[in-house]
Amino acid sequence: MDEIINQLEEIERMLNNVKDQVQELREGIRGAPNPTQKLSVPEFYEHPWYKYKREQLISSGNYQQSKGEETPAA
């Protein structure tokens, strides 16, 4: 009976070791956050058709931009 208990304790120690290694790997993959690095913001996507239509409206003078909305760079 003591032998089984010893084996179970050994298995528990090994599992804890594996758990710690997995945690280290997760942290390594995730990487430490770099406070000086700015995160990139995805660029605004505009479908080519809507871009074409917007440019037509702008050139014809019929384009009215709503408040707070920026015109994306063409």
Protein backbone atom coordinates (compact mmCIF):
# COMPACT_ATOMS: atom_id res chain seq x y z
CA MET A 1 0.00 0.00 0.00
CA ASP A 2 2.88 2.39 0.83
CA GLU A 3 4.40 1.67 -2.56
CA ILE A 4 1.19 2.73 -4.33
CA ILE A 5 1.04 5.94 -2.29
CA ASN A 6 4.68 6.70 -3.14
CA GLN A 7 4.01 6.11 -6.84
CA LEU A 8 0.95 8.36 -6.74
CA GLU A 9 2.97 11.12 -5.05
CA GLU A 10 5.67 10.76 -7.70
CA ILE A 11 3.03 11.02 -10.46
CA GLU A 12 1.60 14.12 -8.77
CA ARG A 13 5.07 15.74 -8.68
CA MET A 14 5.58 14.97 -12.37
CA LEU A 15 2.17 16.40 -13.28
CA ASN A 16 2.92 19.59 -11.37
CA ASN A 17 6.24 19.85 -13.20
CA VAL A 18 4.50 19.46 -16.56
CA LYS A 19 1.87 22.02 -15.54
CA ASP A 20 4.63 24.52 -14.68
CA GLN A 21 6.37 23.88 -18.00
CA VAL A 22 3.14 24.40 -19.94
CA GLN A 23 2.56 27.67 -18.09
CA GLU A 24 6.09 28.83 -18.98
CA LEU A 25 5.48 27.95 -22.62
CA ARG A 26 2.21 29.88 -22.66
CA GLU A 27 3.91 32.93 -21.20
CA GLY A 28 6.75 32.58 -23.70
CA ILE A 29 4.37 32.35 -26.64
CA ARG A 30 2.30 35.26 -25.42
CA GLY A 31 5.41 37.27 -24.68
CA ALA A 32 5.83 39.97 -22.14
CA PRO A 33 3.90 43.08 -23.08
CA ASN A 34 6.14 45.89 -24.24
CA PRO A 35 4.74 49.15 -22.81
CA THR A 36 6.70 51.29 -25.31
CA GLN A 37 5.37 49.42 -28.35
CA LYS A 38 2.13 50.76 -29.78
CA LEU A 39 -0.40 48.25 -30.96
CA SER A 40 -1.31 48.53 -34.60
CA VAL A 41 -4.85 49.57 -35.43
CA PRO A 42 -6.38 47.84 -38.42
CA GLU A 43 -6.82 50.17 -41.37
CA PHE A 44 -10.29 51.13 -42.48
CA TYR A 45 -11.42 48.91 -45.34
CA GLU A 46 -13.59 50.37 -48.02
CA HIS A 47 -14.86 48.19 -50.83
CA PRO A 48 -13.58 49.49 -54.21
CA TRP A 49 -17.13 50.08 -55.48
CA TYR A 50 -18.03 52.30 -52.53
CA LYS A 51 -14.72 54.12 -52.84
CA TYR A 52 -15.44 54.74 -56.53
CA LYS A 53 -18.96 55.98 -55.79
CA ARG A 54 -17.74 58.23 -52.97
CA GLU A 55 -15.07 59.73 -55.23
CA GLN A 56 -17.73 60.36 -57.89
CA LEU A 57 -19.94 62.13 -55.37
CA ILE A 58 -17.02 64.22 -54.09
CA SER A 59 -16.02 65.27 -57.59
CA SER A 60 -19.63 66.17 -58.48
CA GLY A 61 -20.08 68.18 -55.26
CA ASN A 62 -22.96 66.02 -54.01
CA TYR A 63 -21.02 64.39 -51.17
CA GLN A 64 -22.15 65.37 -47.68
CA GLN A 65 -19.98 63.99 -44.94
CA SER A 66 -21.72 63.30 -41.63
CA LYS A 67 -20.36 64.94 -38.45
CA GLY A 68 -17.43 63.20 -36.80
CA GLU A 69 -16.83 61.00 -39.81
CA GLU A 70 -13.44 61.22 -41.46
CA THR A 71 -12.93 60.77 -45.17
CA PRO A 72 -10.43 57.91 -45.58
CA ALA A 73 -7.29 58.71 -47.49
CA ALA A 74 -7.60 57.68 -51.10
